[in-house]
Amino acid sequence: MDGGPLTVQDSANTVHIALFERAPQPNRATIALRTSAAGLHNWFTHLQASGLRVEIEDHEVSFSIYFSDPDGNPYEITTYEHAAFAAAR
């Protein structure tokens, strides 16, 4: 209702799924994941070592990395541990 995604999470607050409403496009169903600052750093290092083009975006309250798999399907991994990730960069 506030313009953001529909977010579903488990009762332990460990799994979050965000659903974004967009116009239909081929291969545009973005998978968005949330992780810790250390987890985002590990993902970034792993994906770059795999040869994928990875972009980092500083959203001021969070950091996200964006990449696509070899079939062109887009992914986003985000941490809300902004200060910790910024310090580790």
C-alpha atoms as a PDB file:
ATOM      1  CA  MET A   1       0.000   0.000   0.000  1.00  0.00           C
ATOM      2  CA  ASP A   2       2.950   2.333   0.547  1.00  0.00           C
ATOM      3  CA  GLY A   3       4.367   1.733  -2.926  1.00  0.00           C
ATOM      4  CA  GLY A   4       6.855  -0.867  -1.775  1.00  0.00           C
ATOM      5  CA  PRO A   5       6.948  -4.599  -2.404  1.00  0.00           C
ATOM      6  CA  LEU A   6       4.734  -7.171  -0.755  1.00  0.00           C
ATOM      7  CA  THR A   7       7.029  -8.788   1.818  1.00  0.00           C
ATOM      8  CA  VAL A   8       6.494 -12.224   3.312  1.00  0.00           C
ATOM      9  CA  GLN A   9       8.637 -13.530   6.172  1.00  0.00           C
ATOM     10  CA  ASP A  10       8.708 -16.506   8.499  1.00  0.00           C
ATOM     11  CA  SER A  11       7.900 -16.201  12.212  1.00  0.00           C
ATOM     12  CA  ALA A  12      11.610 -16.420  13.161  1.00  0.00           C
ATOM     13  CA  ASN A  13      12.341 -13.432  10.895  1.00  0.00           C
ATOM     14  CA  THR A  14      15.036 -15.416   9.037  1.00  0.00           C
ATOM     15  CA  VAL A  15      13.468 -15.800   5.586  1.00  0.00           C
ATOM     16  CA  HIS A  16      12.101 -12.804   3.652  1.00  0.00           C
ATOM     17  CA  ILE A  17      10.546 -12.814   0.193  1.00  0.00           C
ATOM     18  CA  ALA A  18       9.757  -9.514  -1.532  1.00  0.00           C
ATOM     19  CA  LEU A  19       7.321  -9.457  -4.456  1.00  0.00           C
ATOM     20  CA  PHE A  20       7.451  -6.465  -6.802  1.00  0.00           C
ATOM     21  CA  GLU A  21       4.635  -5.615  -9.204  1.00  0.00           C
ATOM     22  CA  ARG A  22       5.894  -4.751 -12.684  1.00  0.00           C
ATOM     23  CA  ALA A  23       4.738  -4.991 -16.266  1.00  0.00           C
ATOM     24  CA  PRO A  24       5.370  -8.467 -17.738  1.00  0.00           C
ATOM     25  CA  GLN A  25       8.712  -8.870 -19.509  1.00  0.00           C
ATOM     26  CA  PRO A  26      10.600 -11.965 -20.633  1.00  0.00           C
ATOM     27  CA  ASN A  27      13.216 -13.077 -18.085  1.00  0.00           C
ATOM     28  CA  ARG A  28      12.405 -10.193 -15.735  1.00  0.00           C
ATOM     29  CA  ALA A  29      11.154 -12.002 -12.628  1.00  0.00           C
ATOM     30  CA  THR A  30      13.774 -10.654 -10.206  1.00  0.00           C
ATOM     31  CA  ILE A  31      14.725 -12.860  -7.273  1.00  0.00           C
ATOM     32  CA  ALA A  32      15.571 -10.636  -4.271  1.00  0.00           C
ATOM     33  CA  LEU A  33      17.362 -12.001  -1.217  1.00  0.00           C
ATOM     34  CA  ARG A  34      18.359 -10.415   2.093  1.00  0.00           C
ATOM     35  CA  THR A  35      21.565 -11.241   3.947  1.00  0.00           C
ATOM     36  CA  SER A  36      24.003  -9.916   6.534  1.00  0.00           C
ATOM     37  CA  ALA A  37      26.863  -7.537   5.726  1.00  0.00           C
ATOM     38  CA  ALA A  38      29.324 -10.443   5.827  1.00  0.00           C
ATOM     39  CA  GLY A  39      27.002 -12.514   3.652  1.00  0.00           C
ATOM     40  CA  LEU A  40      26.756  -9.749   1.046  1.00  0.00           C
ATOM     41  CA  HIS A  41      30.539  -9.401   0.978  1.00  0.00           C
ATOM     42  CA  ASN A  42      30.889 -13.179   0.507  1.00  0.00           C
ATOM     43  CA  TRP A  43      28.288 -13.209  -2.295  1.00  0.00           C
ATOM     44  CA  PHE A  44      29.978 -10.281  -4.036  1.00  0.00           C
ATOM     45  CA  THR A  45      33.411 -11.944  -3.864  1.00  0.00           C
ATOM     46  CA  HIS A  46      32.043 -15.296  -5.043  1.00  0.00           C
ATOM     47  CA  LEU A  47      30.045 -13.863  -7.948  1.00  0.00           C
ATOM     48  CA  GLN A  48      32.936 -11.722  -9.191  1.00  0.00           C
ATOM     49  CA  ALA A  49      35.257 -14.744  -9.020  1.00  0.00           C
ATOM     50  CA  SER A  50      32.685 -16.634 -11.105  1.00  0.00           C
ATOM     51  CA  GLY A  51      33.077 -14.052 -13.864  1.00  0.00           C
ATOM     52  CA  LEU A  52      29.636 -12.504 -13.515  1.00  0.00           C
ATOM     53  CA  ARG A  53      29.180  -8.751 -13.850  1.00  0.00           C
ATOM     54  CA  VAL A  54      28.071  -7.564 -10.420  1.00  0.00           C
ATOM     55  CA  GLU A  55      26.919  -4.033  -9.596  1.00  0.00           C
ATOM     56  CA  ILE A  56      26.801  -2.566  -6.076  1.00  0.00           C
ATOM     57  CA  GLU A  57      24.251   0.087  -5.181  1.00  0.00           C
ATOM     58  CA  ASP A  58      24.351   2.155  -1.983  1.00  0.00           C
ATOM     59  CA  HIS A  59      20.758   2.970  -1.045  1.00  0.00           C
ATOM     60  CA  GLU A  60      21.898   4.913   2.072  1.00  0.00           C
ATOM     61  CA  VAL A  61      20.022   2.549   4.411  1.00  0.00           C
ATOM     62  CA  SER A  62      21.040  -0.633   2.636  1.00  0.00           C
ATOM     63  CA  PHE A  63      23.500  -1.978   0.083  1.00  0.00           C
ATOM     64  CA  SER A  64      22.412  -4.206  -2.789  1.00  0.00           C
ATOM     65  CA  ILE A  65      24.275  -6.179  -5.403  1.00  0.00           C
ATOM     66  CA  TYR A  66      22.665  -6.825  -8.770  1.00  0.00           C
ATOM     67  CA  PHE A  67      23.605  -9.495 -11.292  1.00  0.00           C
ATOM     68  CA  SER A  68      22.109 -11.837 -13.872  1.00  0.00           C
ATOM     69  CA  ASP A  69      22.617 -15.540 -14.343  1.00  0.00           C
ATOM     70  CA  PRO A  70      23.840 -16.877 -17.706  1.00  0.00           C
ATOM     71  CA  ASP A  71      20.218 -17.045 -18.941  1.00  0.00           C
ATOM     72  CA  GLY A  72      19.665 -13.348 -18.206  1.00  0.00           C
ATOM     73  CA  ASN A  73      17.468 -13.805 -15.109  1.00  0.00           C
ATOM     74  CA  PRO A  74      18.091 -10.881 -12.703  1.00  0.00           C
ATOM     75  CA  TYR A  75      18.955 -11.196  -9.012  1.00  0.00           C
ATOM     76  CA  GLU A  76      19.292  -8.741  -6.136  1.00  0.00           C
ATOM     77  CA  ILE A  77      20.952  -9.454  -2.789  1.00  0.00           C
ATOM     78  CA  THR A  78      20.564  -6.790  -0.081  1.00  0.00           C
ATOM     79  CA  THR A  79      21.868  -6.107   3.406  1.00  0.00           C
ATOM     80  CA  TYR A  80      20.417  -3.567   5.791  1.00  0.00           C
ATOM     81  CA  GLU A  81      23.642  -3.681   7.835  1.00  0.00           C
ATOM     82  CA  HIS A  82      24.745  -0.560   5.968  1.00  0.00           C
ATOM     83  CA  ALA A  83      27.519   0.634   8.290  1.00  0.00           C
ATOM     84  CA  ALA A  84      29.071  -2.821   8.637  1.00  0.00           C
ATOM     85  CA  PHE A  85      29.135  -3.409   4.887  1.00  0.00           C
ATOM     86  CA  ALA A  86      30.483   0.087   4.171  1.00  0.00           C
ATOM     87  CA  ALA A  87      33.301  -0.465   6.680  1.00  0.00           C
ATOM     88  CA  ALA A  88      34.232  -3.809   5.082  1.00  0.00           C
ATOM     89  CA  ARG A  89      34.301  -2.450   1.501  1.00  0.00           C
END
